[in-house]
């Protein structure tokens, strides 16, 4: 049955991947892509043919090549990058799962250099001292593990801004467990919480409320799509 499914494709697949001696090699990337080999569906079918084909279809080098378009230019946690060199097939699977994850880790929240701007909905008063709306780079923000934060906007440097996970049942800075919402407290007063999401193209994290936006990547200029 599986062999019948491969009729018309088995010859070029066999020639491209399997060497007659029983050894195998991966063709050059340009040939691999042009032949249409780099699909999960093809590999799934190939793995059903016999043990030799299954070994090839699940091999590290084949999945390393298959994963290049998925990994190139996109954000993934360091643990996935490390796994790419050890088990590319597992790294590919985890990458697909991670791409839709919106829960931030403490390492990500405190490790990223976030960029901040107010939304138009915040009103002209807040926009007036936001560098972003004056044509300058967006304010850079660093969240710290103790619940404090620092930013490079001198007009906001004297305002104490703390954070906690929105899962927290207390107002203590840095309390709660990691989730996809951050509760900020500005000068002793809670503001609308920030909800985390992922960029649809490069998987970068962003957090936004009704009044403001944080990005863990270069803040797009007005008129550009986030």
Protein backbone atom coordinates (compact mmCIF):
# COMPACT_ATOMS: atom_id res chain seq x y z
CA UNK A 1 0.00 0.00 0.00
CA UNK A 2 2.73 2.44 0.98
CA UNK A 3 4.79 1.52 -2.05
CA UNK A 4 1.77 2.21 -4.28
CA UNK A 5 1.42 5.64 -2.67
CA UNK A 6 4.99 6.38 -3.69
CA UNK A 7 4.60 5.38 -7.35
CA UNK A 8 5.90 8.19 -9.51
CA UNK A 9 7.99 9.57 -6.64
CA UNK A 10 9.87 6.55 -5.34
CA UNK A 11 12.51 6.57 -8.08
CA UNK A 12 13.66 10.17 -7.64
CA UNK A 13 13.39 9.90 -3.87
CA UNK A 14 15.47 6.73 -3.89
CA UNK A 15 18.10 8.31 -6.15
CA UNK A 16 18.19 11.53 -4.17
CA UNK A 17 18.53 10.10 -0.72
CA UNK A 18 19.60 6.45 -0.74
CA UNK A 19 22.93 5.18 -2.02
CA UNK A 20 22.97 1.70 -3.53
CA UNK A 21 25.44 0.45 -0.95
CA UNK A 22 22.89 0.97 1.80
CA UNK A 23 24.48 4.23 2.91
CA UNK A 24 22.66 7.50 2.40
CA UNK A 25 23.27 11.17 1.96
CA UNK A 26 21.27 14.37 1.80
CA UNK A 27 21.27 16.22 -1.51
CA UNK A 28 22.22 19.87 -1.74
CA UNK A 29 19.63 22.23 -0.26
CA UNK A 30 18.66 23.72 -3.64
CA UNK A 31 18.01 20.25 -5.12
CA UNK A 32 16.25 19.11 -1.96
CA UNK A 33 13.82 22.02 -2.03
CA UNK A 34 13.26 21.90 -5.80
CA UNK A 35 12.42 18.21 -5.64
CA UNK A 36 9.80 18.86 -3.00
CA UNK A 37 11.41 16.47 -0.56
CA UNK A 38 11.18 18.85 2.36
CA UNK A 39 7.69 18.03 3.54
CA UNK A 40 6.58 16.25 6.66
CA UNK A 41 3.99 14.40 4.58
CA UNK A 42 6.63 12.87 2.29
CA UNK A 43 8.73 11.74 5.21
CA UNK A 44 5.72 10.20 6.92
CA UNK A 45 4.96 8.14 3.82
CA UNK A 46 8.60 7.15 3.34
CA UNK A 47 8.84 5.92 6.91
CA UNK A 48 6.12 3.33 6.12
CA UNK A 49 8.02 1.67 3.25
CA UNK A 50 10.62 -0.36 5.12
CA UNK A 51 13.15 -0.12 7.93
CA UNK A 52 15.80 1.45 5.74
CA UNK A 53 13.49 4.19 4.53
CA UNK A 54 12.17 4.71 8.05
CA UNK A 55 15.73 5.22 9.32
CA UNK A 56 16.31 7.84 6.66
CA UNK A 57 12.96 9.59 7.17
CA UNK A 58 13.62 9.97 10.89
CA UNK A 59 17.34 10.76 10.63
CA UNK A 60 18.83 13.84 12.26
CA UNK A 61 20.32 15.31 9.07
CA UNK A 62 17.09 15.03 7.08
CA UNK A 63 15.11 16.85 9.79
CA UNK A 64 17.88 19.39 10.24
CA UNK A 65 17.48 20.31 6.58
CA UNK A 66 13.69 20.20 6.78
CA UNK A 67 13.68 22.57 9.74
CA UNK A 68 15.81 25.33 8.22
CA UNK A 69 12.87 27.30 6.73
CA UNK A 70 11.03 26.98 10.04
CA UNK A 71 13.94 28.21 12.18
CA UNK A 72 15.46 30.87 9.94
CA UNK A 73 14.73 34.40 11.15
CA UNK A 74 12.32 33.28 13.86
CA UNK A 75 12.47 33.42 17.64
CA UNK A 76 12.68 30.17 19.56
CA UNK A 77 13.95 29.55 23.11
CA UNK A 78 17.59 28.64 23.57
CA UNK A 79 16.71 25.07 24.57
CA UNK A 80 15.26 24.46 21.10
CA UNK A 81 18.32 25.91 19.39
CA UNK A 82 20.50 23.58 21.45
CA UNK A 83 18.31 20.61 20.59
CA UNK A 84 18.70 21.31 16.87
CA UNK A 85 22.27 20.01 17.04
CA UNK A 86 21.25 16.92 19.02
CA UNK A 87 17.83 15.80 17.78
CA UNK A 88 16.50 17.89 14.89
CA UNK A 89 13.29 15.89 14.59
CA UNK A 90 12.37 16.56 18.21
CA UNK A 91 13.44 20.20 17.84
CA UNK A 92 11.12 20.55 14.84
CA UNK A 93 8.16 19.17 16.80
CA UNK A 94 8.87 21.40 19.80
CA UNK A 95 9.29 24.41 17.51
CA UNK A 96 5.78 23.99 16.11
CA UNK A 97 4.40 23.72 19.63
CA UNK A 98 6.39 26.71 20.88
CA UNK A 99 5.28 28.95 18.00
CA UNK A 100 1.76 29.09 19.45
CA UNK A 101 2.85 29.41 23.10
CA UNK A 102 1.90 32.71 24.68
CA UNK A 103 2.95 32.06 28.29
CA UNK A 104 6.17 33.94 29.01
CA UNK A 105 8.94 32.39 31.08
CA UNK A 106 10.73 34.43 33.74
CA UNK A 107 13.88 34.12 31.63
CA UNK A 108 12.12 35.65 28.65
CA UNK A 109 10.40 38.43 30.56
CA UNK A 110 13.64 39.52 32.25
CA UNK A 111 16.04 38.52 29.49
CA UNK A 112 14.51 40.46 26.59
CA UNK A 113 15.18 44.13 26.04
CA UNK A 114 11.61 45.30 25.55
CA UNK A 115 10.58 48.34 23.53
CA UNK A 116 7.65 50.41 24.72
CA UNK A 117 5.22 52.95 23.34
CA UNK A 118 1.83 54.33 24.23
CA UNK A 119 -1.11 53.68 21.93
CA UNK A 120 -3.14 56.56 20.55
CA UNK A 121 -5.93 55.46 22.90
CA UNK A 122 -3.81 56.61 25.85
CA UNK A 123 -4.45 60.20 24.79
CA UNK A 124 -2.32 63.17 23.69
CA UNK A 125 -0.95 63.91 27.16
CA UNK A 126 0.81 60.55 27.43
CA UNK A 127 1.85 60.60 23.79
CA UNK A 128 3.43 64.04 24.22
CA UNK A 129 6.36 62.75 26.29
CA UNK A 130 6.65 59.37 24.52
CA UNK A 131 9.82 59.49 22.36
CA UNK A 132 8.22 57.14 19.85
CA UNK A 133 5.56 59.69 18.94
CA UNK A 134 8.22 62.38 18.58
CA UNK A 135 9.94 60.42 15.81
CA UNK A 136 12.60 58.95 18.09
CA UNK A 137 13.33 55.28 18.91
CA UNK A 138 10.88 53.60 21.26
CA UNK A 139 11.66 53.55 24.98
CA UNK A 140 13.77 50.56 26.01
CA UNK A 141 12.58 48.69 29.09
CA UNK A 142 14.19 46.02 31.23
CA UNK A 143 12.11 43.95 33.65
CA UNK A 144 14.03 42.61 36.65
CA UNK A 145 13.52 39.41 38.63
CA UNK A 146 12.75 41.34 41.83
CA UNK A 147 9.68 42.89 40.20
CA UNK A 148 11.21 46.26 39.39
CA UNK A 149 11.80 47.71 35.95
CA UNK A 150 14.06 50.31 34.38
CA UNK A 151 13.68 52.33 31.20
CA UNK A 152 15.83 54.73 29.22
CA UNK A 153 13.20 57.48 28.99
CA UNK A 154 14.39 60.23 31.39
CA UNK A 155 10.85 61.60 31.71
CA UNK A 156 9.73 58.31 33.25
CA UNK A 157 12.88 57.38 35.16
CA UNK A 158 11.54 58.86 38.43
CA UNK A 159 8.27 56.92 38.25
CA UNK A 160 8.34 53.58 40.06
CA UNK A 161 6.94 50.86 37.85
CA UNK A 162 6.78 47.32 39.19
CA UNK A 163 5.44 44.13 37.68
CA UNK A 164 3.90 40.86 38.79
CA UNK A 165 2.29 37.94 37.03
CA UNK A 166 -1.44 38.45 36.58
CA UNK A 167 -1.88 35.01 38.17
CA UNK A 168 -0.79 36.47 41.51
CA UNK A 169 -3.28 36.79 44.34
CA UNK A 170 -1.22 39.50 46.01
CA UNK A 171 0.21 42.84 44.93
CA UNK A 172 3.78 41.87 45.79
CA UNK A 173 6.21 42.61 42.93
CA UNK A 174 7.33 39.52 40.93
CA UNK A 175 4.69 37.36 42.66
CA UNK A 176 2.53 34.77 40.94
CA UNK A 177 3.47 32.08 38.45
CA UNK A 178 4.45 32.61 34.78
CA UNK A 179 1.53 33.06 32.41
CA UNK A 180 0.56 35.16 29.40
CA UNK A 181 -0.44 38.29 31.34
CA UNK A 182 1.66 40.85 33.20
CA UNK A 183 0.21 43.22 35.77
CA UNK A 184 2.06 46.51 36.01
CA UNK A 185 1.82 48.93 38.90
CA UNK A 186 2.65 52.57 38.19
CA UNK A 187 3.39 54.76 41.19
CA UNK A 188 1.37 52.49 43.46
CA UNK A 189 -1.60 52.08 41.14
CA UNK A 190 -2.42 49.09 38.95
CA UNK A 191 -2.91 49.79 35.26
CA UNK A 192 -4.68 47.53 32.71
CA UNK A 193 -2.76 44.25 32.46
CA UNK A 194 -0.63 43.40 29.45
CA UNK A 195 -1.56 40.33 27.43
CA UNK A 196 1.26 38.47 25.67
CA UNK A 197 1.02 37.16 22.12
CA UNK A 198 3.38 36.16 19.29
CA UNK A 199 4.21 37.85 16.01
CA UNK A 200 2.74 35.76 13.15
CA UNK A 201 5.89 35.97 11.01
CA UNK A 202 8.96 35.77 13.26
CA UNK A 203 7.38 34.49 16.51
CA UNK A 204 8.65 37.43 18.56
CA UNK A 205 6.80 38.24 21.77
CA UNK A 206 4.67 41.33 22.27
CA UNK A 207 2.55 42.49 25.21
CA UNK A 208 -0.24 45.01 24.99
CA UNK A 209 -3.03 46.60 26.94
CA UNK A 210 -5.68 49.05 25.82
CA UNK A 211 -3.19 51.90 26.36
CA UNK A 212 0.30 50.64 25.61
CA UNK A 213 2.42 48.17 23.66
CA UNK A 214 5.65 46.31 24.44
CA UNK A 215 7.63 44.38 21.83
CA UNK A 216 10.61 42.07 22.31
CA UNK A 217 11.79 43.16 18.86
CA UNK A 218 12.27 46.42 16.98
CA UNK A 219 9.16 48.55 17.44
CA UNK A 220 7.56 49.23 14.02
CA UNK A 221 7.15 52.87 13.08
CA UNK A 222 3.65 54.43 12.79
CA UNK A 223 1.79 52.98 9.83
CA UNK A 224 3.86 49.81 9.77
CA UNK A 225 2.33 46.47 10.71
CA UNK A 226 3.43 45.04 14.06
